[in-house]
Protein backbone atom coordinates (compact mmCIF):
# COMPACT_ATOMS: atom_id res chain seq x y z
CA UNK A 1 0.00 0.00 0.00
CA UNK A 2 1.36 3.39 -0.95
CA UNK A 3 1.24 5.79 0.82
CA UNK A 4 0.55 4.57 4.37
CA UNK A 5 -1.68 7.60 4.99
CA UNK A 6 -3.89 9.43 2.52
CA UNK A 7 -5.48 12.87 2.67
CA UNK A 8 -8.21 12.91 0.01
CA UNK A 9 -8.82 16.65 0.11
CA UNK A 10 -8.29 17.33 -3.60
CA UNK A 11 -4.86 18.97 -3.38
CA UNK A 12 -3.26 16.15 -5.43
CA UNK A 13 -0.86 15.26 -2.59
CA UNK A 14 -1.56 11.75 -1.27
CA UNK A 15 -5.17 11.95 -2.44
CA UNK A 16 -5.41 8.23 -3.19
CA UNK A 17 -4.10 4.90 -2.01
CA UNK A 18 -2.38 2.59 -4.48
CA UNK A 19 -2.93 -1.09 -3.73
CA UNK A 20 -0.43 -3.25 -5.59
CA UNK A 21 -0.42 -7.05 -5.54
CA UNK A 22 0.76 -10.01 -7.57
CA UNK A 23 -0.92 -13.26 -8.54
CA UNK A 24 1.55 -16.00 -9.36
CA UNK A 25 1.22 -19.73 -9.92
CA UNK A 26 -2.45 -19.46 -10.90
CA UNK A 27 -4.17 -19.22 -14.25
CA UNK A 28 -7.12 -17.21 -12.93
CA UNK A 29 -8.22 -16.21 -9.45
CA UNK A 30 -11.25 -14.52 -7.98
CA UNK A 31 -10.13 -11.30 -6.32
CA UNK A 32 -12.01 -8.98 -4.00
CA UNK A 33 -10.55 -5.89 -2.37
CA UNK A 34 -12.43 -4.27 0.48
CA UNK A 35 -11.83 -1.35 2.81
CA UNK A 36 -13.15 -1.79 6.35
CA UNK A 37 -13.46 0.44 9.39
CA UNK A 38 -12.07 -0.79 12.70
CA UNK A 39 -15.51 -2.05 13.73
CA UNK A 40 -15.33 -4.49 10.81
CA UNK A 41 -17.90 -2.80 8.56
CA UNK A 42 -17.03 -2.69 4.88
CA UNK A 43 -16.98 0.91 3.69
CA UNK A 44 -15.79 0.31 0.12
CA UNK A 45 -15.51 -2.54 -2.33
CA UNK A 46 -12.86 -2.22 -5.01
CA UNK A 47 -12.41 -4.06 -8.29
CA UNK A 48 -13.97 -7.46 -7.67
CA UNK A 49 -13.73 -10.19 -10.27
CA UNK A 50 -11.58 -12.80 -11.93
CA UNK A 51 -7.98 -11.89 -12.73
CA UNK A 52 -5.15 -13.62 -14.56
CA UNK A 53 -1.68 -14.20 -13.14
CA UNK A 54 0.59 -11.17 -13.01
CA UNK A 55 0.95 -7.85 -11.25
CA UNK A 56 -2.17 -5.82 -10.53
CA UNK A 57 -3.05 -2.52 -8.90
CA UNK A 58 -6.17 -0.79 -7.65
CA UNK A 59 -6.73 2.63 -6.14
CA UNK A 60 -8.90 3.95 -3.34
CA UNK A 61 -9.74 7.64 -3.15
CA UNK A 62 -10.96 7.63 0.46
CA UNK A 63 -14.62 7.28 -0.48
CA UNK A 64 -17.25 4.81 0.64
CA UNK A 65 -19.48 2.80 -1.69
CA UNK A 66 -21.94 5.72 -1.84
CA UNK A 67 -19.18 8.05 -3.07
CA UNK A 68 -18.86 10.04 0.16
CA UNK A 69 -15.50 10.80 1.75
CA UNK A 70 -14.88 8.62 4.78
CA UNK A 71 -14.17 10.25 8.15
CA UNK A 72 -10.53 10.50 9.27
CA UNK A 73 -9.22 7.41 11.01
CA UNK A 74 -7.56 4.05 10.49
CA UNK A 75 -9.02 1.63 7.97
CA UNK A 76 -8.11 -1.92 6.97
CA UNK A 77 -7.59 -2.91 3.34
CA UNK A 78 -8.30 -6.60 2.74
CA UNK A 79 -7.32 -8.45 -0.42
CA UNK A 80 -9.05 -11.80 -0.77
CA UNK A 81 -7.95 -14.25 -3.47
CA UNK A 82 -9.95 -17.38 -4.21
CA UNK A 83 -8.21 -20.24 -6.02
CA UNK A 84 -8.84 -24.00 -6.28
CA UNK A 85 -6.87 -24.60 -3.06
CA UNK A 86 -9.03 -22.19 -1.04
CA UNK A 87 -9.22 -18.53 -0.08
CA UNK A 88 -6.15 -16.50 0.84
CA UNK A 89 -6.41 -13.15 2.62
CA UNK A 90 -4.07 -10.29 3.40
CA UNK A 91 -4.99 -7.26 5.48
CA UNK A 92 -3.07 -3.98 5.93
CA UNK A 93 -3.88 -0.72 7.70
CA UNK A 94 -4.14 2.71 6.06
CA UNK A 95 -4.78 6.05 7.72
CA UNK A 96 -7.08 8.73 6.35
CA UNK A 97 -6.20 12.24 7.54
CA UNK A 98 -7.42 15.73 6.68
């Protein structure tokens, strides 16, 4: 995740989070990326679907699924990859500041 803290206030400095990940050793995998608050509620769902092996990236602009800016705080970005062998998850924190 780059950067570790975003400030989506429209000044073009750290306005969005870049989420980079790689899929290797699979032909296709189901991928879902979600952003959650610390209470465990999903606030945003990013780029779900099937993806081929390789490097991928998604962005989050600090907005919820309704398009509203989220309040400042710490959020968790979860990448979930489903393959024949099961589901693999990774979770990382990101801060939203104004």
